[in-house]
Amino acid sequence: MAYVYVQHLNPLHETKLPVILSKYTGLKVVEARNNQVLKPDHFYILPSNKEMCLIDGKLKVLTRKVKYMPIDMLFTSLSEVKKEKAIGVILSGTANDGTIGLKAIKQIDGITFAQDDSAKFQSMPKSAIAAGAGRSDFISAGNSKRV
């Protein structure tokens, strides 16, 4: 399985996640590139000031739009490409990005999860749960495991 991580960042902030996550996993951690084919046991990180989707099994890294909903964009494209094999996870975050994408994954019988009340910022997971798109009984900060 390949893992793709999308984080909301200020467009001027450079992500440090590839370096940080590499210390905690045996997976290969890389910043996503345009037209990159997803490989098993790889962890792809959204580059700063970008958004991405999956088309024909390849990551498409795009210029950030004014209406920035990168998680919805990725999850919706994932549901279209991977169908019932798609898995979406919403962790701590503000606003509601990811809810539409999780609904798309759930609609095609993919697997969806949202962090429970242990989330530091609860509006994203609560939005997904309220929409019926995420299970709240699975991901807890107290139950987190190393990837």
Protein backbone atom coordinates (compact mmCIF):
# COMPACT_ATOMS: atom_id res chain seq x y z
CA MET A 1 0.00 0.00 0.00
CA ALA A 2 1.10 3.56 -0.71
CA TYR A 3 0.38 6.41 1.71
CA VAL A 4 -0.34 9.99 0.66
CA TYR A 5 -0.30 12.75 3.30
CA VAL A 6 -1.93 16.14 2.80
CA GLN A 7 -1.44 18.86 5.38
CA HIS A 8 -2.90 22.37 5.43
CA LEU A 9 0.01 24.77 5.51
CA ASN A 10 0.46 28.46 4.99
CA PRO A 11 1.47 28.80 1.30
CA LEU A 12 4.76 30.41 2.33
CA HIS A 13 5.66 27.68 4.83
CA GLU A 14 8.02 24.96 3.61
CA THR A 15 7.07 21.49 4.83
CA LYS A 16 9.54 19.62 7.02
CA LEU A 17 7.45 16.45 7.09
CA PRO A 18 9.65 14.27 4.85
CA VAL A 19 12.58 14.74 7.23
CA ILE A 20 10.46 14.37 10.37
CA LEU A 21 8.50 11.30 9.26
CA SER A 22 11.59 9.52 7.93
CA LYS A 23 12.79 9.27 11.54
CA TYR A 24 9.67 7.35 12.61
CA THR A 25 8.98 4.89 9.81
CA GLY A 26 10.72 2.26 7.73
CA LEU A 27 8.76 3.43 4.69
CA LYS A 28 10.43 5.58 2.06
CA VAL A 29 9.19 9.15 2.67
CA VAL A 30 9.28 11.54 -0.30
CA GLU A 31 7.81 14.85 -1.37
CA ALA A 32 5.27 14.11 -4.12
CA ARG A 33 6.22 15.01 -7.69
CA ASN A 34 4.02 15.53 -10.73
CA ASN A 35 3.28 12.34 -12.71
CA GLN A 36 4.77 10.18 -9.96
CA VAL A 37 3.54 6.58 -9.95
CA LEU A 38 2.50 5.40 -6.49
CA LYS A 39 4.61 2.55 -5.16
CA PRO A 40 3.90 0.25 -2.20
CA ASP A 41 5.67 1.03 1.07
CA HIS A 42 6.16 4.69 0.13
CA PHE A 43 4.85 7.73 1.99
CA TYR A 44 4.15 10.72 -0.30
CA ILE A 45 3.94 14.23 1.19
CA LEU A 46 2.13 17.13 -0.46
CA PRO A 47 4.69 19.83 -1.35
CA SER A 48 4.28 23.32 0.05
CA ASN A 49 1.87 25.65 -1.76
CA LYS A 50 0.49 22.81 -3.92
CA GLU A 51 -2.49 20.48 -4.14
CA MET A 52 -2.70 17.11 -5.81
CA CYS A 53 -5.00 14.46 -7.17
CA LEU A 54 -4.65 10.96 -8.55
CA ILE A 55 -5.17 10.40 -12.28
CA ASP A 56 -4.47 7.10 -14.01
CA GLY A 57 -2.52 5.86 -10.99
CA LYS A 58 -0.20 8.89 -10.98
CA LEU A 59 -0.04 11.84 -8.63
CA LYS A 60 -0.76 15.15 -10.32
CA VAL A 61 0.82 17.99 -8.35
CA LEU A 62 -0.95 21.24 -9.18
CA THR A 63 -0.64 24.92 -8.41
CA ARG A 64 -2.65 25.83 -5.33
CA LYS A 65 -6.06 27.35 -6.11
CA VAL A 66 -7.79 30.21 -4.33
CA LYS A 67 -10.44 27.85 -2.92
CA TYR A 68 -8.01 25.47 -1.25
CA MET A 69 -9.56 22.10 -0.41
CA PRO A 70 -6.61 19.75 -1.02
CA ILE A 71 -7.95 16.83 1.02
CA ASP A 72 -11.31 16.83 -0.77
CA MET A 73 -9.48 17.00 -4.11
CA LEU A 74 -7.22 14.06 -3.30
CA PHE A 75 -9.92 11.87 -1.71
CA THR A 76 -12.41 12.49 -4.53
CA SER A 77 -9.85 11.55 -7.18
CA LEU A 78 -8.79 8.53 -5.08
CA SER A 79 -12.40 7.32 -5.00
CA GLU A 80 -12.63 7.62 -8.78
CA VAL A 81 -9.38 5.75 -9.45
CA LYS A 82 -9.20 3.14 -6.68
CA LYS A 83 -12.94 2.62 -6.17
CA GLU A 84 -13.67 0.31 -3.20
CA LYS A 85 -9.93 -0.05 -2.49
CA ALA A 86 -9.70 3.63 -1.49
CA ILE A 87 -9.05 4.45 2.17
CA GLY A 88 -9.42 7.97 3.57
CA VAL A 89 -8.42 9.15 7.04
CA ILE A 90 -9.15 12.56 8.58
CA LEU A 91 -7.09 13.56 11.59
CA SER A 92 -6.96 16.76 13.60
CA GLY A 93 -7.72 19.94 11.68
CA THR A 94 -9.84 23.06 11.41
CA ALA A 95 -12.71 23.74 8.97
CA ASN A 96 -14.28 20.92 6.94
CA ASP A 97 -11.83 19.98 4.19
CA GLY A 98 -11.99 16.23 3.63
CA THR A 99 -15.69 15.72 4.33
CA ILE A 100 -16.75 15.76 0.66
CA GLY A 101 -13.85 13.50 -0.28
CA LEU A 102 -14.59 10.99 2.50
CA LYS A 103 -18.23 10.93 1.39
CA ALA A 104 -17.07 10.09 -2.15
CA ILE A 105 -14.91 7.24 -0.83
CA LYS A 106 -17.69 5.89 1.38
CA GLN A 107 -20.20 6.12 -1.49
CA ILE A 108 -18.16 3.63 -3.56
CA ASP A 109 -17.72 1.31 -0.56
CA GLY A 110 -14.19 2.41 0.29
CA ILE A 111 -13.00 2.68 3.89
CA THR A 112 -13.18 5.93 5.82
CA PHE A 113 -12.05 6.99 9.30
CA ALA A 114 -12.05 10.18 11.32
CA GLN A 115 -10.15 10.84 14.52
CA ASP A 116 -12.22 10.78 17.69
CA ASP A 117 -12.44 13.49 20.36
CA SER A 118 -8.70 13.11 21.03
CA ALA A 119 -8.04 15.36 18.01
CA LYS A 120 -6.36 18.61 19.03
CA PHE A 121 -8.40 20.48 16.40
CA GLN A 122 -11.75 18.71 16.12
CA SER A 123 -13.69 20.52 13.39
CA MET A 124 -12.41 18.45 10.43
CA PRO A 125 -13.01 15.03 12.01
CA LYS A 126 -16.32 16.14 13.53
CA SER A 127 -17.48 17.46 10.15
CA ALA A 128 -16.74 14.10 8.53
CA ILE A 129 -18.47 12.18 11.32
CA ALA A 130 -21.53 14.45 11.25
CA ALA A 131 -21.83 13.87 7.49
CA GLY A 132 -21.78 10.12 8.08
CA ALA A 133 -18.48 9.80 6.26
CA GLY A 134 -16.07 8.82 9.02
CA ARG A 135 -16.01 6.36 11.89
CA SER A 136 -15.05 7.96 15.17
CA ASP A 137 -14.36 4.73 17.03
CA PHE A 138 -11.08 3.82 15.38
CA ILE A 139 -8.44 6.52 15.52
CA SER A 140 -7.52 7.83 18.93
CA ALA A 141 -4.39 9.69 19.92
CA GLY A 142 -4.00 7.20 22.75
CA ASN A 143 -4.15 4.27 20.34
CA SER A 144 -1.78 5.56 17.67
CA LYS A 145 0.81 3.14 16.35
CA ARG A 146 4.02 3.57 14.47
CA VAL A 147 3.69 3.27 10.69
